[in-house]
């Protein structure tokens, strides 16, 4: 596992982050093995959110991590979604959410706090006040956002006295509008549609680390494309390339993301130990430019 810069924080982080969205139902021994597998493979960056499992994911993780040196763990959590109701980036909600996460995670601080999906009623001055309070009190070290476009980032950063370090965005072989629009510039087709304000190039310009979420999914949580009979051409091409490197198709799917020069940090979404190992193994392989484009086209994309 190699490391990359985390935005402008000055912190180096593992190339792959370990997603904890689905750990609520794991038995204690399974969860302990899950954390141990990640740590043994150099993946000490764990991604949470206050809404994952209704808070249970943070709680069980907080209990399971007690055997580890806290300073050797990098814990990221998210806030802003009031489940089933609304989004809330108010000062009171952000601060109270972090207090709840700290209690559940059984820690005095989180390394990164991420705003979870844009709040249409966001007042950036309130967010800035909340971030400043949390940083000054030592409860949060670094800050980021999730699913924000370029102008939302620009607006928020105007009021902050600390950098936005990360932006979580859905990205993967079967969800690649961030690169599709760049490839199809000035063309009159659906792939040319700019749906995010050029957020990929914006984040590269501003040194914001993109964290691709659900890298194995197609659509919006419609399922995994690896070994899915709906995508025979893609899986055939992936099988050929993966076999040449002696890795699984899961590892190849992560390697495809890592091959992009934006230095992204994919977030895994599995609780299966072998698939987790495979995802982390992806850092050992660098596919060629030709292989990257073969996979891109096998996923149903055309080059103009």
C-alpha atoms as a PDB file:
ATOM      1  CA  UNK A   1       0.000   0.000   0.000  1.00  0.00           C
ATOM      2  CA  UNK A   2       1.492   3.316  -1.008  1.00  0.00           C
ATOM      3  CA  UNK A   3       0.378   6.744   0.225  1.00  0.00           C
ATOM      4  CA  UNK A   4      -0.820   9.957  -1.409  1.00  0.00           C
ATOM      5  CA  UNK A   5      -1.178  13.556  -0.193  1.00  0.00           C
ATOM      6  CA  UNK A   6      -4.561  14.285   1.370  1.00  0.00           C
ATOM      7  CA  UNK A   7      -5.497  17.568  -0.243  1.00  0.00           C
ATOM      8  CA  UNK A   8      -3.520  20.455   1.240  1.00  0.00           C
ATOM      9  CA  UNK A   9      -3.594  18.990   4.743  1.00  0.00           C
ATOM     10  CA  UNK A  10       0.045  17.940   4.702  1.00  0.00           C
ATOM     11  CA  UNK A  11      -1.131  14.463   5.739  1.00  0.00           C
ATOM     12  CA  UNK A  12      -0.262  11.331   3.769  1.00  0.00           C
ATOM     13  CA  UNK A  13      -3.042   8.732   3.518  1.00  0.00           C
ATOM     14  CA  UNK A  14      -3.307   5.167   2.163  1.00  0.00           C
ATOM     15  CA  UNK A  15      -4.283   5.017  -1.497  1.00  0.00           C
ATOM     16  CA  UNK A  16      -7.431   3.055  -0.638  1.00  0.00           C
ATOM     17  CA  UNK A  17      -9.836   3.948   2.172  1.00  0.00           C
ATOM     18  CA  UNK A  18     -11.930   1.328   3.959  1.00  0.00           C
ATOM     19  CA  UNK A  19     -15.662   2.027   3.843  1.00  0.00           C
ATOM     20  CA  UNK A  20     -17.660   1.130   6.960  1.00  0.00           C
ATOM     21  CA  UNK A  21     -21.205   1.680   5.705  1.00  0.00           C
ATOM     22  CA  UNK A  22     -22.167  -1.988   5.993  1.00  0.00           C
ATOM     23  CA  UNK A  23     -20.547  -3.108   9.243  1.00  0.00           C
ATOM     24  CA  UNK A  24     -23.593  -2.664  11.507  1.00  0.00           C
ATOM     25  CA  UNK A  25     -24.691  -6.295  11.221  1.00  0.00           C
ATOM     26  CA  UNK A  26     -21.257  -7.868  11.584  1.00  0.00           C
ATOM     27  CA  UNK A  27     -20.557 -10.032  14.608  1.00  0.00           C
ATOM     28  CA  UNK A  28     -17.773  -8.782  16.856  1.00  0.00           C
ATOM     29  CA  UNK A  29     -15.274 -11.410  15.689  1.00  0.00           C
ATOM     30  CA  UNK A  30     -16.072 -10.670  12.051  1.00  0.00           C
ATOM     31  CA  UNK A  31     -15.586  -6.960  12.611  1.00  0.00           C
ATOM     32  CA  UNK A  32     -12.316  -7.514  14.445  1.00  0.00           C
ATOM     33  CA  UNK A  33     -11.095  -9.605  11.490  1.00  0.00           C
ATOM     34  CA  UNK A  34     -12.295  -6.887   9.087  1.00  0.00           C
ATOM     35  CA  UNK A  35     -10.293  -4.177  10.856  1.00  0.00           C
ATOM     36  CA  UNK A  36      -7.274  -6.451  11.261  1.00  0.00           C
ATOM     37  CA  UNK A  37      -7.300  -7.343   7.548  1.00  0.00           C
ATOM     38  CA  UNK A  38      -7.332  -3.677   6.615  1.00  0.00           C
ATOM     39  CA  UNK A  39      -4.561  -2.780   9.053  1.00  0.00           C
ATOM     40  CA  UNK A  40      -2.381  -5.724   8.021  1.00  0.00           C
ATOM     41  CA  UNK A  41      -2.584  -4.497   4.434  1.00  0.00           C
ATOM     42  CA  UNK A  42      -1.653  -0.930   5.321  1.00  0.00           C
ATOM     43  CA  UNK A  43      -5.176   0.468   5.026  1.00  0.00           C
ATOM     44  CA  UNK A  44      -5.645   2.407   8.252  1.00  0.00           C
ATOM     45  CA  UNK A  45      -8.065   5.010   6.845  1.00  0.00           C
ATOM     46  CA  UNK A  46     -11.688   4.191   7.797  1.00  0.00           C
ATOM     47  CA  UNK A  47     -14.675   6.033   6.341  1.00  0.00           C
ATOM     48  CA  UNK A  48     -17.853   6.468   8.405  1.00  0.00           C
ATOM     49  CA  UNK A  49     -20.993   8.620   8.528  1.00  0.00           C
ATOM     50  CA  UNK A  50     -23.381   9.440  11.332  1.00  0.00           C
ATOM     51  CA  UNK A  51     -26.265   7.921   9.336  1.00  0.00           C
ATOM     52  CA  UNK A  52     -24.591   4.606   8.514  1.00  0.00           C
ATOM     53  CA  UNK A  53     -26.658   1.980  10.243  1.00  0.00           C
ATOM     54  CA  UNK A  54     -28.425   4.746  12.134  1.00  0.00           C
ATOM     55  CA  UNK A  55     -25.214   5.334  14.066  1.00  0.00           C
ATOM     56  CA  UNK A  56     -24.632   1.647  14.797  1.00  0.00           C
ATOM     57  CA  UNK A  57     -21.663   1.435  12.405  1.00  0.00           C
ATOM     58  CA  UNK A  58     -19.781   4.040  14.415  1.00  0.00           C
ATOM     59  CA  UNK A  59     -20.742   2.378  17.698  1.00  0.00           C
ATOM     60  CA  UNK A  60     -19.533  -1.119  16.809  1.00  0.00           C
ATOM     61  CA  UNK A  61     -16.358   0.270  15.266  1.00  0.00           C
ATOM     62  CA  UNK A  62     -15.687   2.297  18.405  1.00  0.00           C
ATOM     63  CA  UNK A  63     -15.836  -0.879  20.463  1.00  0.00           C
ATOM     64  CA  UNK A  64     -13.778  -2.953  18.038  1.00  0.00           C
ATOM     65  CA  UNK A  65     -10.902  -0.488  17.655  1.00  0.00           C
ATOM     66  CA  UNK A  66     -10.035  -0.348  21.365  1.00  0.00           C
ATOM     67  CA  UNK A  67      -7.097  -2.710  20.860  1.00  0.00           C
ATOM     68  CA  UNK A  68      -5.360  -0.301  18.486  1.00  0.00           C
ATOM     69  CA  UNK A  69      -3.255   2.784  19.059  1.00  0.00           C
ATOM     70  CA  UNK A  70      -5.661   5.619  18.157  1.00  0.00           C
ATOM     71  CA  UNK A  71      -2.867   7.644  16.577  1.00  0.00           C
ATOM     72  CA  UNK A  72      -2.298   4.833  14.080  1.00  0.00           C
ATOM     73  CA  UNK A  73      -5.910   4.990  12.873  1.00  0.00           C
ATOM     74  CA  UNK A  74      -7.271   7.620  10.504  1.00  0.00           C
ATOM     75  CA  UNK A  75     -11.014   8.003  11.048  1.00  0.00           C
ATOM     76  CA  UNK A  76     -13.253   9.992   8.761  1.00  0.00           C
ATOM     77  CA  UNK A  77     -16.945  10.552   9.366  1.00  0.00           C
ATOM     78  CA  UNK A  78     -19.686  12.505   7.636  1.00  0.00           C
ATOM     79  CA  UNK A  79     -22.653  14.584   8.723  1.00  0.00           C
ATOM     80  CA  UNK A  80     -25.491  16.604   7.243  1.00  0.00           C
ATOM     81  CA  UNK A  81     -28.119  14.013   6.333  1.00  0.00           C
ATOM     82  CA  UNK A  82     -31.147  13.952   8.590  1.00  0.00           C
ATOM     83  CA  UNK A  83     -32.327  10.527   7.508  1.00  0.00           C
ATOM     84  CA  UNK A  84     -35.577  10.553   5.573  1.00  0.00           C
ATOM     85  CA  UNK A  85     -36.170  14.247   6.227  1.00  0.00           C
ATOM     86  CA  UNK A  86     -33.671  16.768   4.917  1.00  0.00           C
ATOM     87  CA  UNK A  87     -30.058  17.926   4.744  1.00  0.00           C
ATOM     88  CA  UNK A  88     -28.765  20.220   7.471  1.00  0.00           C
ATOM     89  CA  UNK A  89     -25.499  22.187   7.402  1.00  0.00           C
ATOM     90  CA  UNK A  90     -26.437  24.502  10.264  1.00  0.00           C
ATOM     91  CA  UNK A  91     -23.893  25.253  12.977  1.00  0.00           C
ATOM     92  CA  UNK A  92     -25.911  23.467  15.658  1.00  0.00           C
ATOM     93  CA  UNK A  93     -26.452  20.344  13.587  1.00  0.00           C
ATOM     94  CA  UNK A  94     -22.821  20.000  12.470  1.00  0.00           C
ATOM     95  CA  UNK A  95     -21.476  20.453  15.991  1.00  0.00           C
ATOM     96  CA  UNK A  96     -24.021  18.163  17.635  1.00  0.00           C
ATOM     97  CA  UNK A  97     -23.496  15.517  14.961  1.00  0.00           C
ATOM     98  CA  UNK A  98     -19.756  15.492  15.594  1.00  0.00           C
ATOM     99  CA  UNK A  99     -20.335  15.234  19.347  1.00  0.00           C
ATOM    100  CA  UNK A 100     -22.529  12.199  18.716  1.00  0.00           C
ATOM    101  CA  UNK A 101     -19.987  10.592  16.396  1.00  0.00           C
ATOM    102  CA  UNK A 102     -17.162  11.080  18.888  1.00  0.00           C
ATOM    103  CA  UNK A 103     -19.204   9.404  21.593  1.00  0.00           C
ATOM    104  CA  UNK A 104     -20.147   6.463  19.381  1.00  0.00           C
ATOM    105  CA  UNK A 105     -16.618   6.072  18.021  1.00  0.00           C
ATOM    106  CA  UNK A 106     -15.206   6.229  21.536  1.00  0.00           C
ATOM    107  CA  UNK A 107     -12.602   8.833  20.581  1.00  0.00           C
ATOM    108  CA  UNK A 108     -11.736  12.440  21.404  1.00  0.00           C
ATOM    109  CA  UNK A 109     -11.338  13.487  17.770  1.00  0.00           C
ATOM    110  CA  UNK A 110     -11.877  12.452  14.184  1.00  0.00           C
ATOM    111  CA  UNK A 111      -9.190  13.013  11.599  1.00  0.00           C
ATOM    112  CA  UNK A 112     -11.608  14.162   8.902  1.00  0.00           C
ATOM    113  CA  UNK A 113     -15.166  15.519   8.901  1.00  0.00           C
ATOM    114  CA  UNK A 114     -17.030  15.484   5.589  1.00  0.00           C
ATOM    115  CA  UNK A 115     -20.276  17.269   4.733  1.00  0.00           C
ATOM    116  CA  UNK A 116     -22.593  14.594   3.370  1.00  0.00           C
ATOM    117  CA  UNK A 117     -24.441  15.734   0.217  1.00  0.00           C
ATOM    118  CA  UNK A 118     -25.126  19.416  -0.504  1.00  0.00           C
ATOM    119  CA  UNK A 119     -27.640  21.296   1.633  1.00  0.00           C
ATOM    120  CA  UNK A 120     -29.645  23.646  -0.607  1.00  0.00           C
ATOM    121  CA  UNK A 121     -30.108  25.945   2.395  1.00  0.00           C
ATOM    122  CA  UNK A 122     -26.437  26.042   3.304  1.00  0.00           C
ATOM    123  CA  UNK A 123     -25.169  29.263   4.784  1.00  0.00           C
ATOM    124  CA  UNK A 124     -21.398  29.038   4.296  1.00  0.00           C
ATOM    125  CA  UNK A 125     -20.749  31.425   7.174  1.00  0.00           C
ATOM    126  CA  UNK A 126     -22.414  28.946   9.569  1.00  0.00           C
ATOM    127  CA  UNK A 127     -20.415  26.049   8.193  1.00  0.00           C
ATOM    128  CA  UNK A 128     -17.226  28.073   8.580  1.00  0.00           C
ATOM    129  CA  UNK A 129     -18.112  28.878  12.196  1.00  0.00           C
ATOM    130  CA  UNK A 130     -18.791  25.208  12.946  1.00  0.00           C
ATOM    131  CA  UNK A 131     -15.551  24.080  11.306  1.00  0.00           C
ATOM    132  CA  UNK A 132     -13.537  26.712  13.186  1.00  0.00           C
ATOM    133  CA  UNK A 133     -15.062  25.653  16.512  1.00  0.00           C
ATOM    134  CA  UNK A 134     -14.401  21.970  15.866  1.00  0.00           C
ATOM    135  CA  UNK A 135     -10.811  22.568  14.782  1.00  0.00           C
ATOM    136  CA  UNK A 136      -9.989  24.919  17.656  1.00  0.00           C
ATOM    137  CA  UNK A 137     -11.450  22.476  20.169  1.00  0.00           C
ATOM    138  CA  UNK A 138      -9.336  19.663  18.733  1.00  0.00           C
ATOM    139  CA  UNK A 139     -12.352  17.537  17.801  1.00  0.00           C
ATOM    140  CA  UNK A 140     -11.722  17.564  14.035  1.00  0.00           C
ATOM    141  CA  UNK A 141      -8.358  17.872  12.318  1.00  0.00           C
ATOM    142  CA  UNK A 142      -9.309  18.213   8.638  1.00  0.00           C
ATOM    143  CA  UNK A 143     -12.436  18.872   6.610  1.00  0.00           C
ATOM    144  CA  UNK A 144     -14.033  17.846   3.333  1.00  0.00           C
ATOM    145  CA  UNK A 145     -17.281  17.488   1.437  1.00  0.00           C
ATOM    146  CA  UNK A 146     -19.159  14.819  -0.456  1.00  0.00           C
ATOM    147  CA  UNK A 147     -21.005  15.041  -3.778  1.00  0.00           C
ATOM    148  CA  UNK A 148     -20.314  18.769  -4.237  1.00  0.00           C
ATOM    149  CA  UNK A 149     -19.775  20.458  -7.588  1.00  0.00           C
ATOM    150  CA  UNK A 150     -17.156  23.057  -8.426  1.00  0.00           C
ATOM    151  CA  UNK A 151     -19.137  26.171  -7.558  1.00  0.00           C
ATOM    152  CA  UNK A 152     -20.446  24.700  -4.309  1.00  0.00           C
ATOM    153  CA  UNK A 153     -16.845  24.043  -3.347  1.00  0.00           C
ATOM    154  CA  UNK A 154     -15.797  27.526  -4.393  1.00  0.00           C
ATOM    155  CA  UNK A 155     -18.599  29.160  -2.424  1.00  0.00           C
ATOM    156  CA  UNK A 156     -17.825  27.224   0.737  1.00  0.00           C
ATOM    157  CA  UNK A 157     -14.064  27.716   0.503  1.00  0.00           C
ATOM    158  CA  UNK A 158     -14.574  31.498   0.279  1.00  0.00           C
ATOM    159  CA  UNK A 159     -15.606  31.536   3.940  1.00  0.00           C
ATOM    160  CA  UNK A 160     -13.232  28.927   5.356  1.00  0.00           C
ATOM    161  CA  UNK A 161      -9.831  29.590   6.864  1.00  0.00           C
ATOM    162  CA  UNK A 162      -8.806  25.971   6.320  1.00  0.00           C
ATOM    163  CA  UNK A 163      -8.630  24.009   3.050  1.00  0.00           C
ATOM    164  CA  UNK A 164     -11.290  21.615   1.804  1.00  0.00           C
ATOM    165  CA  UNK A 165      -9.188  18.470   1.643  1.00  0.00           C
ATOM    166  CA  UNK A 166     -11.490  15.972  -0.018  1.00  0.00           C
ATOM    167  CA  UNK A 167     -14.619  15.566  -2.125  1.00  0.00           C
ATOM    168  CA  UNK A 168     -16.364  12.193  -2.174  1.00  0.00           C
ATOM    169  CA  UNK A 169     -17.902  11.492  -5.584  1.00  0.00           C
ATOM    170  CA  UNK A 170     -19.333   8.353  -7.134  1.00  0.00           C
ATOM    171  CA  UNK A 171     -16.835   7.138  -9.703  1.00  0.00           C
ATOM    172  CA  UNK A 172     -15.853   3.842 -11.241  1.00  0.00           C
ATOM    173  CA  UNK A 173     -15.809   1.864 -14.458  1.00  0.00           C
ATOM    174  CA  UNK A 174     -19.613   1.900 -14.765  1.00  0.00           C
ATOM    175  CA  UNK A 175     -20.111   5.418 -13.402  1.00  0.00           C
ATOM    176  CA  UNK A 176     -17.660   7.721 -15.137  1.00  0.00           C
ATOM    177  CA  UNK A 177     -19.449  10.956 -16.170  1.00  0.00           C
ATOM    178  CA  UNK A 178     -16.517  12.952 -14.740  1.00  0.00           C
ATOM    179  CA  UNK A 179     -14.248  11.621 -17.501  1.00  0.00           C
ATOM    180  CA  UNK A 180     -16.919  11.109 -20.159  1.00  0.00           C
ATOM    181  CA  UNK A 181     -17.695  14.819 -20.413  1.00  0.00           C
ATOM    182  CA  UNK A 182     -13.999  15.621 -20.673  1.00  0.00           C
ATOM    183  CA  UNK A 183     -13.480  13.152 -23.500  1.00  0.00           C
ATOM    184  CA  UNK A 184     -16.559  14.381 -25.393  1.00  0.00           C
ATOM    185  CA  UNK A 185     -15.947  18.134 -25.158  1.00  0.00           C
ATOM    186  CA  UNK A 186     -17.798  20.193 -27.783  1.00  0.00           C
ATOM    187  CA  UNK A 187     -19.872  17.261 -29.018  1.00  0.00           C
ATOM    188  CA  UNK A 188     -23.646  17.014 -29.260  1.00  0.00           C
ATOM    189  CA  UNK A 189     -24.177  13.732 -27.440  1.00  0.00           C
ATOM    190  CA  UNK A 190     -25.258  12.622 -23.989  1.00  0.00           C
ATOM    191  CA  UNK A 191     -21.705  11.822 -22.875  1.00  0.00           C
ATOM    192  CA  UNK A 192     -20.708  15.442 -23.486  1.00  0.00           C
ATOM    193  CA  UNK A 193     -23.165  16.652 -20.840  1.00  0.00           C
ATOM    194  CA  UNK A 194     -21.299  18.330 -18.009  1.00  0.00           C
ATOM    195  CA  UNK A 195     -23.224  17.248 -14.926  1.00  0.00           C
ATOM    196  CA  UNK A 196     -20.854  18.425 -12.202  1.00  0.00           C
ATOM    197  CA  UNK A 197     -19.310  21.712 -13.261  1.00  0.00           C
ATOM    198  CA  UNK A 198     -16.042  20.093 -14.293  1.00  0.00           C
ATOM    199  CA  UNK A 199     -15.457  18.932 -10.721  1.00  0.00           C
ATOM    200  CA  UNK A 200     -12.685  16.476 -11.644  1.00  0.00           C
ATOM    201  CA  UNK A 201     -10.455  19.150 -13.156  1.00  0.00           C
ATOM    202  CA  UNK A 202     -11.484  21.632 -10.464  1.00  0.00           C
ATOM    203  CA  UNK A 203     -10.365  19.289  -7.684  1.00  0.00           C
ATOM    204  CA  UNK A 204      -7.063  18.689  -9.452  1.00  0.00           C
ATOM    205  CA  UNK A 205      -6.503  22.418  -9.835  1.00  0.00           C
ATOM    206  CA  UNK A 206      -7.287  23.065  -6.167  1.00  0.00           C
ATOM    207  CA  UNK A 207      -5.449  20.013  -4.772  1.00  0.00           C
ATOM    208  CA  UNK A 208      -8.623  18.433  -3.400  1.00  0.00           C
ATOM    209  CA  UNK A 209      -8.420  14.646  -3.066  1.00  0.00           C
ATOM    210  CA  UNK A 210     -11.332  12.883  -4.754  1.00  0.00           C
ATOM    211  CA  UNK A 211     -12.617   9.842  -2.864  1.00  0.00           C
ATOM    212  CA  UNK A 212     -14.606   7.647  -5.276  1.00  0.00           C
ATOM    213  CA  UNK A 213     -17.468   5.902  -3.467  1.00  0.00           C
ATOM    214  CA  UNK A 214     -19.252   2.723  -4.608  1.00  0.00           C
ATOM    215  CA  UNK A 215     -16.511   1.997  -7.164  1.00  0.00           C
ATOM    216  CA  UNK A 216     -18.023  -1.424  -7.959  1.00  0.00           C
ATOM    217  CA  UNK A 217     -21.593  -0.230  -8.473  1.00  0.00           C
ATOM    218  CA  UNK A 218     -23.483   0.547 -11.655  1.00  0.00           C
ATOM    219  CA  UNK A 219     -26.274   3.090 -11.588  1.00  0.00           C
ATOM    220  CA  UNK A 220     -27.298   4.367  -8.178  1.00  0.00           C
ATOM    221  CA  UNK A 221     -26.847   1.335  -5.898  1.00  0.00           C
ATOM    222  CA  UNK A 222     -28.274  -0.983  -8.565  1.00  0.00           C
ATOM    223  CA  UNK A 223     -25.675  -3.654  -7.971  1.00  0.00           C
ATOM    224  CA  UNK A 224     -22.103  -4.735  -8.641  1.00  0.00           C
ATOM    225  CA  UNK A 225     -20.931  -4.989 -12.258  1.00  0.00           C
ATOM    226  CA  UNK A 226     -18.145  -7.493 -11.535  1.00  0.00           C
ATOM    227  CA  UNK A 227     -19.243 -10.993 -12.654  1.00  0.00           C
ATOM    228  CA  UNK A 228     -22.673  -9.567 -13.505  1.00  0.00           C
ATOM    229  CA  UNK A 229     -24.320 -11.278 -16.483  1.00  0.00           C
ATOM    230  CA  UNK A 230     -25.685  -7.913 -17.615  1.00  0.00           C
ATOM    231  CA  UNK A 231     -22.159  -6.897 -18.621  1.00  0.00           C
ATOM    232  CA  UNK A 232     -20.577  -9.843 -20.478  1.00  0.00           C
ATOM    233  CA  UNK A 233     -18.257  -7.781 -22.707  1.00  0.00           C
ATOM    234  CA  UNK A 234     -16.902  -5.749 -19.810  1.00  0.00           C
ATOM    235  CA  UNK A 235     -16.284  -8.806 -17.653  1.00  0.00           C
ATOM    236  CA  UNK A 236     -14.588 -10.652 -20.519  1.00  0.00           C
ATOM    237  CA  UNK A 237     -12.149  -7.782 -21.066  1.00  0.00           C
ATOM    238  CA  UNK A 238     -11.576  -7.415 -17.335  1.00  0.00           C
ATOM    239  CA  UNK A 239     -10.939 -11.149 -16.970  1.00  0.00           C
ATOM    240  CA  UNK A 240      -8.319 -11.051 -19.725  1.00  0.00           C
ATOM    241  CA  UNK A 241      -6.466  -8.083 -18.255  1.00  0.00           C
ATOM    242  CA  UNK A 242      -6.785  -9.220 -14.631  1.00  0.00           C
ATOM    243  CA  UNK A 243      -5.436 -12.675 -15.504  1.00  0.00           C
ATOM    244  CA  UNK A 244      -2.411 -11.117 -17.179  1.00  0.00           C
ATOM    245  CA  UNK A 245      -1.539  -9.367 -13.915  1.00  0.00           C
ATOM    246  CA  UNK A 246      -2.501 -12.271 -11.670  1.00  0.00           C
ATOM    247  CA  UNK A 247      -5.149 -10.276  -9.831  1.00  0.00           C
ATOM    248  CA  UNK A 248      -8.919 -10.475  -9.451  1.00  0.00           C
ATOM    249  CA  UNK A 249     -11.424  -8.360 -11.377  1.00  0.00           C
ATOM    250  CA  UNK A 250     -12.220  -6.588  -8.120  1.00  0.00           C
ATOM    251  CA  UNK A 251      -8.591  -5.515  -7.810  1.00  0.00           C
ATOM    252  CA  UNK A 252      -8.587  -4.462 -11.465  1.00  0.00           C
ATOM    253  CA  UNK A 253     -11.665  -2.267 -10.965  1.00  0.00           C
ATOM    254  CA  UNK A 254      -9.808  -0.357  -8.246  1.00  0.00           C
ATOM    255  CA  UNK A 255      -6.611  -0.268 -10.324  1.00  0.00           C
ATOM    256  CA  UNK A 256      -8.586   1.339 -13.148  1.00  0.00           C
ATOM    257  CA  UNK A 257      -9.465   4.228 -10.824  1.00  0.00           C
ATOM    258  CA  UNK A 258      -5.932   4.493  -9.461  1.00  0.00           C
ATOM    259  CA  UNK A 259      -4.514   4.690 -13.009  1.00  0.00           C
ATOM    260  CA  UNK A 260      -6.102   8.130 -13.399  1.00  0.00           C
ATOM    261  CA  UNK A 261      -3.502  10.835 -12.655  1.00  0.00           C
ATOM    262  CA  UNK A 262      -5.830  12.695 -10.260  1.00  0.00           C
ATOM    263  CA  UNK A 263      -4.437  10.557  -7.391  1.00  0.00           C
ATOM    264  CA  UNK A 264      -7.859   9.549  -6.115  1.00  0.00           C
ATOM    265  CA  UNK A 265      -8.481   7.578  -2.926  1.00  0.00           C
ATOM    266  CA  UNK A 266     -11.210   4.978  -3.639  1.00  0.00           C
ATOM    267  CA  UNK A 267     -13.447   3.967  -0.733  1.00  0.00           C
ATOM    268  CA  UNK A 268     -14.209   0.254  -0.527  1.00  0.00           C
ATOM    269  CA  UNK A 269     -17.748  -0.834   0.233  1.00  0.00           C
ATOM    270  CA  UNK A 270     -17.385  -4.514   1.045  1.00  0.00           C
ATOM    271  CA  UNK A 271     -17.388  -6.457   4.311  1.00  0.00           C
ATOM    272  CA  UNK A 272     -16.152  -9.607   2.540  1.00  0.00           C
ATOM    273  CA  UNK A 273     -12.560 -10.159   3.667  1.00  0.00           C
ATOM    274  CA  UNK A 274     -11.351 -11.577   0.357  1.00  0.00           C
ATOM    275  CA  UNK A 275     -12.880  -8.758  -1.667  1.00  0.00           C
ATOM    276  CA  UNK A 276     -11.349  -6.308   0.807  1.00  0.00           C
ATOM    277  CA  UNK A 277      -7.932  -7.904   0.325  1.00  0.00           C
ATOM    278  CA  UNK A 278      -8.438  -7.801  -3.438  1.00  0.00           C
ATOM    279  CA  UNK A 279      -9.348  -4.109  -3.315  1.00  0.00           C
ATOM    280  CA  UNK A 280      -6.237  -3.325  -1.311  1.00  0.00           C
ATOM    281  CA  UNK A 281      -4.091  -5.453  -3.636  1.00  0.00           C
ATOM    282  CA  UNK A 282      -4.988  -3.069  -6.466  1.00  0.00           C
ATOM    283  CA  UNK A 283      -2.250  -0.685  -5.371  1.00  0.00           C
ATOM    284  CA  UNK A 284       0.363  -3.203  -6.471  1.00  0.00           C
ATOM    285  CA  UNK A 285      -0.648  -2.966 -10.143  1.00  0.00           C
ATOM    286  CA  UNK A 286      -0.485  -0.103 -12.623  1.00  0.00           C
ATOM    287  CA  UNK A 287      -2.371  -0.887 -15.812  1.00  0.00           C
ATOM    288  CA  UNK A 288      -1.326   0.611 -19.138  1.00  0.00           C
ATOM    289  CA  UNK A 289      -3.003   3.488 -20.927  1.00  0.00           C
ATOM    290  CA  UNK A 290      -4.261   1.095 -23.616  1.00  0.00           C
ATOM    291  CA  UNK A 291      -5.757  -1.240 -20.983  1.00  0.00           C
ATOM    292  CA  UNK A 292      -7.466   1.688 -19.255  1.00  0.00           C
ATOM    293  CA  UNK A 293      -9.156   2.712 -22.491  1.00  0.00           C
ATOM    294  CA  UNK A 294     -10.066  -0.898 -23.382  1.00  0.00           C
ATOM    295  CA  UNK A 295     -11.945  -1.192 -20.095  1.00  0.00           C
ATOM    296  CA  UNK A 296     -13.542   2.235 -20.575  1.00  0.00           C
ATOM    297  CA  UNK A 297     -14.878   1.215 -24.002  1.00  0.00           C
ATOM    298  CA  UNK A 298     -15.938  -2.254 -22.836  1.00  0.00           C
ATOM    299  CA  UNK A 299     -18.166  -0.507 -20.273  1.00  0.00           C
ATOM    300  CA  UNK A 300     -20.193   0.890 -23.187  1.00  0.00           C
ATOM    301  CA  UNK A 301     -18.391   4.167 -23.789  1.00  0.00           C
ATOM    302  CA  UNK A 302     -17.338   5.361 -27.221  1.00  0.00           C
ATOM    303  CA  UNK A 303     -14.383   7.490 -28.193  1.00  0.00           C
ATOM    304  CA  UNK A 304     -15.268  10.347 -30.575  1.00  0.00           C
END
